[in-house]
C-alpha atoms as a PDB file:
ATOM      1  CA  MET A   1      55.436 -75.581-126.028  1.00  0.00           C
ATOM      2  CA  SER A   2      55.020 -71.914-126.934  1.00  0.00           C
ATOM      3  CA  GLN A   3      54.083 -70.856-130.431  1.00  0.00           C
ATOM      4  CA  HIS A   4      56.095 -68.559-132.652  1.00  0.00           C
ATOM      5  CA  PRO A   5      54.597 -65.046-132.393  1.00  0.00           C
ATOM      6  CA  LEU A   6      54.164 -64.830-136.170  1.00  0.00           C
ATOM      7  CA  ARG A   7      52.736 -68.328-136.597  1.00  0.00           C
ATOM      8  CA  SER A   8      49.283 -67.070-137.627  1.00  0.00           C
ATOM      9  CA  LEU A   9      50.854 -65.062-140.465  1.00  0.00           C
ATOM     10  CA  ILE A  10      53.162 -67.868-141.545  1.00  0.00           C
ATOM     11  CA  GLU A  11      50.282 -70.343-141.689  1.00  0.00           C
ATOM     12  CA  ASN A  12      48.109 -68.010-143.785  1.00  0.00           C
ATOM     13  CA  LYS A  13      49.011 -69.622-147.110  1.00  0.00           C
ATOM     14  CA  PRO A  14      46.531 -67.620-149.265  1.00  0.00           C
ATOM     15  CA  LEU A  15      47.924 -64.347-147.892  1.00  0.00           C
ATOM     16  CA  LEU A  16      51.535 -65.370-148.520  1.00  0.00           C
ATOM     17  CA  GLU A  17      50.733 -66.604-152.026  1.00  0.00           C
ATOM     18  CA  SER A  18      48.961 -63.364-152.946  1.00  0.00           C
ATOM     19  CA  ILE A  19      51.858 -61.271-151.644  1.00  0.00           C
ATOM     20  CA  ALA A  20      54.378 -63.445-153.518  1.00  0.00           C
ATOM     21  CA  GLU A  21      52.327 -63.079-156.715  1.00  0.00           C
ATOM     22  CA  LYS A  22      52.172 -59.316-156.339  1.00  0.00           C
ATOM     23  CA  TYR A  23      55.810 -58.660-155.346  1.00  0.00           C
ATOM     24  CA  GLY A  24      57.685 -61.772-156.465  1.00  0.00           C
ATOM     25  CA  THR A  25      60.113 -63.890-154.518  1.00  0.00           C
ATOM     26  CA  PRO A  26      62.323 -63.984-152.587  1.00  0.00           C
ATOM     27  CA  LEU A  27      60.580 -61.504-150.334  1.00  0.00           C
ATOM     28  CA  TYR A  28      61.059 -60.438-146.730  1.00  0.00           C
ATOM     29  CA  LEU A  29      57.926 -59.646-144.728  1.00  0.00           C
ATOM     30  CA  TYR A  30      57.892 -57.864-141.400  1.00  0.00           C
ATOM     31  CA  SER A  31      55.115 -57.439-138.859  1.00  0.00           C
ATOM     32  CA  GLY A  32      54.783 -53.793-137.879  1.00  0.00           C
ATOM     33  CA  ASP A  33      53.121 -54.761-134.596  1.00  0.00           C
ATOM     34  CA  ARG A  34      55.962 -57.142-133.757  1.00  0.00           C
ATOM     35  CA  ILE A  35      58.623 -54.517-134.556  1.00  0.00           C
ATOM     36  CA  LYS A  36      56.856 -51.948-132.356  1.00  0.00           C
ATOM     37  CA  ASN A  37      56.531 -54.464-129.526  1.00  0.00           C
ATOM     38  CA  ASN A  38      60.236 -55.344-129.738  1.00  0.00           C
ATOM     39  CA  LEU A  39      61.215 -51.664-129.724  1.00  0.00           C
ATOM     40  CA  ASP A  40      58.995 -51.032-126.695  1.00  0.00           C
ATOM     41  CA  HIS A  41      60.735 -53.866-124.818  1.00  0.00           C
ATOM     42  CA  LEU A  42      64.159 -52.558-125.828  1.00  0.00           C
ATOM     43  CA  SER A  43      63.261 -49.019-124.795  1.00  0.00           C
ATOM     44  CA  THR A  44      62.013 -50.220-121.406  1.00  0.00           C
ATOM     45  CA  ALA A  45      65.243 -52.131-120.782  1.00  0.00           C
ATOM     46  CA  LEU A  46      67.446 -49.222-121.855  1.00  0.00           C
ATOM     47  CA  ASN A  47      65.494 -46.727-119.745  1.00  0.00           C
ATOM     48  CA  LYS A  48      65.976 -48.966-116.719  1.00  0.00           C
ATOM     49  CA  TYR A  49      69.787 -48.845-116.940  1.00  0.00           C
ATOM     50  CA  LEU A  50      70.712 -45.874-119.124  1.00  0.00           C
ATOM     51  CA  GLU A  51      69.405 -42.451-118.261  1.00  0.00           C
ATOM     52  CA  LYS A  52      70.278 -40.855-121.594  1.00  0.00           C
ATOM     53  CA  ASN A  53      69.277 -43.062-124.501  1.00  0.00           C
ATOM     54  CA  GLN A  54      67.285 -42.655-127.650  1.00  0.00           C
ATOM     55  CA  ILE A  55      65.829 -45.168-130.069  1.00  0.00           C
END
């Protein structure tokens, strides 16, 4: 079974607790590396089929 790509962040309880203490809850966290990776995949797919596109 494959692991969730953000599992290492989700399982880092001390990190999540310190962020929650600093910023309060509820709180949404995003991985910049994951966002960039997703945009790269999207850009590759769009470039394959659409000549004129921009992200």
